[in-house]
Amino acid sequence: MDGVNSSCSYEKIKAVLLDMVACLESHAQLRQRNIEADMFEYMLKSFPEAVALQMEILRRHDFPGDSEGTSQFLQLASSVGKEDPEIQTLLTKVRSLLLPPVNYKNCV
């Protein structure tokens, strides 16, 4: 597939997002770093791993598994999410797993 097809079904988008949530939630190392690490450490170590997992999931669903394909898919999911609350909820969950809350205790 050369790009993310804008006519991709809700079901396929939902399946990809469900896989992303399951994979990111089950990845123990990422979860542990999210809890313990400050944002800088997270962005250096865990974020690249999380993005690689996301790309692998996209490849398994026959989407381009590169940064451009990931960006296109997330833009499409965001657009679809404006009309479908379930897609929006899943997309929000994926984002929260990729970018955990910032730990401000080290920012003073």
C-alpha atoms as a PDB file:
ATOM      1  CA  MET A   1       0.000   0.000   0.000  1.00  0.00           C
ATOM      2  CA  ASP A   2       1.492   3.338  -1.042  1.00  0.00           C
ATOM      3  CA  GLY A   3      -0.280   5.430   1.566  1.00  0.00           C
ATOM      4  CA  VAL A   4      -3.114   5.439   4.014  1.00  0.00           C
ATOM      5  CA  ASN A   5      -6.380   5.256   2.116  1.00  0.00           C
ATOM      6  CA  SER A   6      -8.814   7.942   3.250  1.00  0.00           C
ATOM      7  CA  SER A   7     -11.713   5.575   2.533  1.00  0.00           C
ATOM      8  CA  CYS A   8     -10.422   3.069   5.080  1.00  0.00           C
ATOM      9  CA  SER A   9     -13.299   1.593   7.093  1.00  0.00           C
ATOM     10  CA  TYR A  10     -14.165   2.494  10.657  1.00  0.00           C
ATOM     11  CA  GLU A  11     -13.733  -1.177  11.531  1.00  0.00           C
ATOM     12  CA  LYS A  12     -10.162  -1.273  10.240  1.00  0.00           C
ATOM     13  CA  ILE A  13      -9.229   1.966  12.008  1.00  0.00           C
ATOM     14  CA  LYS A  14     -10.812   0.658  15.196  1.00  0.00           C
ATOM     15  CA  ALA A  15      -8.937  -2.662  14.895  1.00  0.00           C
ATOM     16  CA  VAL A  16      -5.594  -0.880  14.478  1.00  0.00           C
ATOM     17  CA  LEU A  17      -6.246   1.437  17.440  1.00  0.00           C
ATOM     18  CA  LEU A  18      -7.357  -1.491  19.633  1.00  0.00           C
ATOM     19  CA  ASP A  19      -4.134  -3.328  18.758  1.00  0.00           C
ATOM     20  CA  MET A  20      -2.079  -0.226  19.548  1.00  0.00           C
ATOM     21  CA  VAL A  21      -3.745   0.202  22.935  1.00  0.00           C
ATOM     22  CA  ALA A  22      -3.307  -3.483  23.817  1.00  0.00           C
ATOM     23  CA  CYS A  23       0.323  -3.541  22.717  1.00  0.00           C
ATOM     24  CA  LEU A  24       1.305  -0.298  24.433  1.00  0.00           C
ATOM     25  CA  GLU A  25      -0.513  -1.267  27.645  1.00  0.00           C
ATOM     26  CA  SER A  26       1.129  -4.679  27.760  1.00  0.00           C
ATOM     27  CA  HIS A  27       4.653  -3.466  27.096  1.00  0.00           C
ATOM     28  CA  ALA A  28       5.933  -3.672  30.672  1.00  0.00           C
ATOM     29  CA  GLN A  29       9.164  -1.747  30.127  1.00  0.00           C
ATOM     30  CA  LEU A  30       7.352   1.243  28.665  1.00  0.00           C
ATOM     31  CA  ARG A  31       4.818   1.262  31.478  1.00  0.00           C
ATOM     32  CA  GLN A  32       7.520   1.111  34.130  1.00  0.00           C
ATOM     33  CA  ARG A  33       9.493   3.944  32.544  1.00  0.00           C
ATOM     34  CA  ASN A  34       6.322   6.006  32.265  1.00  0.00           C
ATOM     35  CA  ILE A  35       5.894   5.693  36.016  1.00  0.00           C
ATOM     36  CA  GLU A  36       9.504   6.279  37.034  1.00  0.00           C
ATOM     37  CA  ALA A  37      11.058   8.478  34.378  1.00  0.00           C
ATOM     38  CA  ASP A  38      10.994  12.171  33.839  1.00  0.00           C
ATOM     39  CA  MET A  39       9.834  13.323  30.420  1.00  0.00           C
ATOM     40  CA  PHE A  40      13.346  13.822  29.036  1.00  0.00           C
ATOM     41  CA  GLU A  41      14.365  10.271  29.893  1.00  0.00           C
ATOM     42  CA  TYR A  42      11.084   8.944  28.540  1.00  0.00           C
ATOM     43  CA  MET A  43      11.541  10.752  25.217  1.00  0.00           C
ATOM     44  CA  LEU A  44      15.084   9.406  24.855  1.00  0.00           C
ATOM     45  CA  LYS A  45      14.368   5.780  25.759  1.00  0.00           C
ATOM     46  CA  SER A  46      10.723   4.795  25.758  1.00  0.00           C
ATOM     47  CA  PHE A  47       9.155   6.987  23.087  1.00  0.00           C
ATOM     48  CA  PRO A  48      11.233   5.529  20.223  1.00  0.00           C
ATOM     49  CA  GLU A  49      10.259   2.019  21.368  1.00  0.00           C
ATOM     50  CA  ALA A  50       6.590   2.985  21.513  1.00  0.00           C
ATOM     51  CA  VAL A  51       6.715   4.486  18.022  1.00  0.00           C
ATOM     52  CA  ALA A  52       8.426   1.341  16.691  1.00  0.00           C
ATOM     53  CA  LEU A  53       5.630  -0.765  18.202  1.00  0.00           C
ATOM     54  CA  GLN A  54       3.072   1.503  16.564  1.00  0.00           C
ATOM     55  CA  MET A  55       4.753   1.112  13.168  1.00  0.00           C
ATOM     56  CA  GLU A  56       4.853  -2.674  13.532  1.00  0.00           C
ATOM     57  CA  ILE A  57       1.122  -2.753  14.274  1.00  0.00           C
ATOM     58  CA  LEU A  58       0.434  -0.654  11.178  1.00  0.00           C
ATOM     59  CA  ARG A  59       2.499  -3.066   9.039  1.00  0.00           C
ATOM     60  CA  ARG A  60       0.493  -6.023  10.395  1.00  0.00           C
ATOM     61  CA  HIS A  61      -2.690  -4.265   9.244  1.00  0.00           C
ATOM     62  CA  ASP A  62      -1.256  -3.598   5.748  1.00  0.00           C
ATOM     63  CA  PHE A  63      -0.562   0.083   6.299  1.00  0.00           C
ATOM     64  CA  PRO A  64       2.811   1.678   5.561  1.00  0.00           C
ATOM     65  CA  GLY A  65       4.975   0.972   8.604  1.00  0.00           C
ATOM     66  CA  ASP A  66       7.093   4.089   8.417  1.00  0.00           C
ATOM     67  CA  SER A  67       6.891   7.540   9.971  1.00  0.00           C
ATOM     68  CA  GLU A  68       4.882   8.931   7.035  1.00  0.00           C
ATOM     69  CA  GLY A  69       2.399   6.045   7.186  1.00  0.00           C
ATOM     70  CA  THR A  70       2.052   6.458  10.942  1.00  0.00           C
ATOM     71  CA  SER A  71       1.412  10.178  10.573  1.00  0.00           C
ATOM     72  CA  GLN A  72      -1.132   9.605   7.802  1.00  0.00           C
ATOM     73  CA  PHE A  73      -2.942   6.920   9.788  1.00  0.00           C
ATOM     74  CA  LEU A  74      -3.142   9.058  12.920  1.00  0.00           C
ATOM     75  CA  GLN A  75      -4.440  12.025  10.892  1.00  0.00           C
ATOM     76  CA  LEU A  76      -7.078   9.787   9.312  1.00  0.00           C
ATOM     77  CA  ALA A  77      -8.045   8.335  12.715  1.00  0.00           C
ATOM     78  CA  SER A  78      -8.291  11.845  14.135  1.00  0.00           C
ATOM     79  CA  SER A  79     -10.543  12.919  11.282  1.00  0.00           C
ATOM     80  CA  VAL A  80     -12.752   9.852  11.702  1.00  0.00           C
ATOM     81  CA  GLY A  81     -12.742  10.381  15.465  1.00  0.00           C
ATOM     82  CA  LYS A  82     -14.548  13.687  14.989  1.00  0.00           C
ATOM     83  CA  GLU A  83     -17.544  11.684  13.803  1.00  0.00           C
ATOM     84  CA  ASP A  84     -17.134   8.521  15.870  1.00  0.00           C
ATOM     85  CA  PRO A  85     -16.755   8.825  19.656  1.00  0.00           C
ATOM     86  CA  GLU A  86     -15.426   5.276  20.000  1.00  0.00           C
ATOM     87  CA  ILE A  87     -12.559   6.002  17.583  1.00  0.00           C
ATOM     88  CA  GLN A  88     -11.874   9.280  19.414  1.00  0.00           C
ATOM     89  CA  THR A  89     -11.721   7.457  22.750  1.00  0.00           C
ATOM     90  CA  LEU A  90      -9.269   4.889  21.378  1.00  0.00           C
ATOM     91  CA  LEU A  91      -7.124   7.591  19.785  1.00  0.00           C
ATOM     92  CA  THR A  92      -7.038   9.512  23.065  1.00  0.00           C
ATOM     93  CA  LYS A  93      -5.956   6.326  24.860  1.00  0.00           C
ATOM     94  CA  VAL A  94      -3.154   5.723  22.338  1.00  0.00           C
ATOM     95  CA  ARG A  95      -1.947   9.302  22.795  1.00  0.00           C
ATOM     96  CA  SER A  96      -2.001   8.984  26.581  1.00  0.00           C
ATOM     97  CA  LEU A  97       0.065   5.802  26.356  1.00  0.00           C
ATOM     98  CA  LEU A  98       2.570   7.430  24.001  1.00  0.00           C
ATOM     99  CA  LEU A  99       2.873  10.678  25.942  1.00  0.00           C
ATOM    100  CA  PRO A 100       2.321  10.115  29.641  1.00  0.00           C
ATOM    101  CA  PRO A 101       1.700  12.988  32.055  1.00  0.00           C
ATOM    102  CA  VAL A 102       4.762  15.116  32.735  1.00  0.00           C
ATOM    103  CA  ASN A 103       6.415  14.672  36.111  1.00  0.00           C
ATOM    104  CA  TYR A 104       6.914  18.246  37.317  1.00  0.00           C
ATOM    105  CA  LYS A 105       8.867  17.414  40.484  1.00  0.00           C
ATOM    106  CA  ASN A 106      12.169  17.737  38.589  1.00  0.00           C
ATOM    107  CA  CYS A 107      11.239  20.917  36.724  1.00  0.00           C
ATOM    108  CA  VAL A 108      11.945  23.465  39.480  1.00  0.00           C
END
